[in-house]
C-alpha cells in the first residue's frame, strides 16, 4: 500500500485531489455498509479515511467540498423500501481511541459548561453494539413505524420487519403519547453460526447478518432470522422519560425494552475508563459483537445545553477498542507549527508495518503526553515518559497518523534524555506559550510567523476587522503566493497600489481583476486607512482577543499609543504570569510524583518578587478591565512585545492615517469618572445589563478590586472581592442601593 502524503505537506492542488478521492471512497464504503450490508473496509480503515478527510478540511477549510463526508451520516435509503423522514435526526458519534481522548472529552464538556474540575459530572457507559441502528415510533402506546438510520435525515421503512423481532413490543404502556425509541438490532454469535450453517446466503459477520435480515423486502424472511434489539436512546417525545439518561433507561426497562445489563452510571473519566476496561475484559464472553463503549452525559438538561455539531452530539462519544500494534524505534521528535500557532510534536519512527500500513510517523499530542501525564497531571503509561531512542509501541485506531501506546524501558539507551519541549517557535523564533488549562504550546508570533501568516491575514481582512471590500480569503491566498505583488503581512495591503504602479499595473492582468476591479480594490483599501481602535485591535488576531474584549480595551485606553505603552510597562508582569503558570504546572506534576500537596502559592510568590511597582500597576490596571483577565492580558502583552511582531504592527500603523478612538462618554452620568466592580449574583438584572447601565452613567467597569475602585456592588454570595474591598476602604453597596444610585 503506498504511503499517504502527510496532511501538513499537502499543497492546495493535492488537497483538492485528496478530498475528492476520500469523498468517493467514503461514499462507496457507506453504500456498501448501509445499503448492501456488505462492508468493503474494516472499521479501522474506514475511520482512517474519515479522520484524514477531517484533518485536511481543518487545514484547508476553504477547500471543503459541498458533499463533504464530515457533514454526512450513513447513506441514503436503498431502493425498494418506503422512506421515513426522522422527526429528530439520527446522528453518529465522535470517537475516542485512548484514555487521553476520554479525559479531553470530559474537559471539553466542562469548558463548554463553565464548570471547574471539582464539579461532579455523571455519565452513563454502555457497550457499543455492532449492529444496525433502528428508530421505533409509538403513538398512544402503539408501534406506528420503524425506520433505519439511513442518511440521518431519512431512513428506510422496515415496520413490518421490526414487528417480527421478539425484543420489540407492538404495544407499550405508561409512556408519553408520542415517543421514538432508538436502539440497535443485532445477532448473537450462536444465532449467527446457526444461520450460516442452515445454508442459503452466507454472511461475513453477525452485523452483516443482522442488517441483511432486517432489510428484507419479505417480512417472513426476517421473521425466520433470530434478531435481537437493545434500546439505548430516544428521538422525539411528547413528554420526557426522565431527567437523566440513567433514569430514562430505567424507564425503558419498565416499558418492556431490553437495555444492555452492562450499562453503568459513572462519576468522571476515571470511573468511565475503569468500566471500559471491565467491558473490554468481558468482550470475548458476551456472545455478541461490540466495538467499544459509549459514554453519555447523564444530566439531560446539560445535554440540551451542549447541543450538537454537524453530525455528532457534544455530550456523547464512542470509545473504540484498540486496533493492531507494533514495536519500533523512535528516531526523532519534530515540532510542527499549525496554522493557529499550535506546536504539535510528531514522532519520527523507524518504518514498521502496522495493520498492513507502513508507518513512519506518530502523533505525540503535547508536552504532557510526552512526559507521561494527562492534562490533569495524572500519570499515563504508569508515568513513563517518551525519549528519542526509545522502543515504542505503535497502534493504529483510525487516526490520520498513529499513536504511541507504550514505552519499553528495558531497551531505553543509557544516554537517552528527557525531551524538553521548546519555549520558542521553531518557525519564527517568537515565544511559545502554554496557557493555564491548555495542553498546547502556541506561537505568539502571529502575523510574522510563516506558519500562521495566511490565516492571520484572512482574519485581518474579515468582516469584524478591516473588512476590505474585494479582498477576501481567496484573494489573500493569491497575493500571499504572488511573486510581484506579495502580501505577507498587513502593511503590504496598504502598499499594493504603489507597488502595482511600479510593476506597470500587473494586478489587472491577474485572474479576477481588470482595470475597474483593481481600481475599486485600491479605493476600498484607501478607505480603511482610518480604522476604529476596536477594529484595529481585533484585526491583529491576538489569541483570546475577540470583538467584545477589543471594544473594552479601546474604551479603557482610548488611544493605540496608550495601550501599546501600557503593554510595554506590563511586559515583566506578563512574563511573571506565564512563568508562574508553567512553574505551577511543573510543581503539580512533581508533587503528584512525590505524593505530596503542591506548593502553588509559594511557587508563584517567589516568581513575583522583585517586580517593579510600575510593571505591577500596569498589569493590575490591565486585568482590572471588565472582560480582560490574566489569560487575555498575558496573550495581549506577550504578542505586542515580541520584537518582530511589534515591528510589523508599527509598519502597519505608519501606513494608516488614523486609528480612531472610541466616542467619549458623556459628562452627564452620575458615575462619571468612577470605577465600579460587580461581584456575586445579581437578582434584578444580568451582569451584562448592569455593565451597560454603569457605562451609560459614565462609569468604568473593572473586573477586580484595587485601590482605584470607587464602588463594589455586591450581589448574593459575594466572596473574596468584598473582603478585599473592605480591607482597601472601598465603598461596598448591595444591589438595592446600586439600583437606587443608577436611577438617580
Foldseek 3Di string as FASTA:
>chain_A
DDDDDDLVPDDPVRLLVLQVVLLVVLQVQLCCCQEVLHGPDDPLQNLLSLQRNVSNCVQVVVSADPSGPVLWARAAYDPPFDKDFAPFFDFDFAAAADLQSLQVLVLVLCVLVVHDPPDKFKKKKAFAALAWKKKFKAAQFATDWMFTNHGRGMTGTLRLLVPLAPQDDRGWPPFFRIWIWMWGKWDFPVLLVVVCVVDDDRDPFGRSVRSVLSPDSDSVSVNPRHIAIATQDIGDGPDDCDQWSVSNSVSVVNRRHHHHPLMDMDIDSVRNVVSQVVCVVCQVVPRGDTFFMKMFGTGVVSQVSQAPDSRHGSGMYTHGYFAWKDKWAFADWDWDQAQQQWTWIKTATDWDATPNDTAGIAGQGFDQSQQQAHLVLHGHLNRDHHWHGWIFMWTRRSHNHIHTRHTDPVRHDPPTDRDDDDQADPQQRAGFFDDPPGRTTGGLQQCQGQNNNLVLVQLCCDDLALVQPPCHSVNSVVQCPDDQQHDSGVLSLLCRVVSCVVVVNCVQVDPPHHPVSVVSRNVSSQVSLEAAQLNNVCSSVQPPNHSVNSVLVLQLQQAPVSVLVLLVLQVLVLVLVRVLSVVQSVQCNVCVVVVHDGPSVVSSVVSPPPRDPSNVVSQCSQCFAVPRHSRNSSRVSSSCPGVVSVVSVVSNNVSGPYHGGDDAADPQAPQAPAEEEEFDDDDPDHPVVLCVLCVNSRYGYTHADDLRHAEYEYEPPGDDRVVVCVVSVHHYDYPVVVVVNSVD
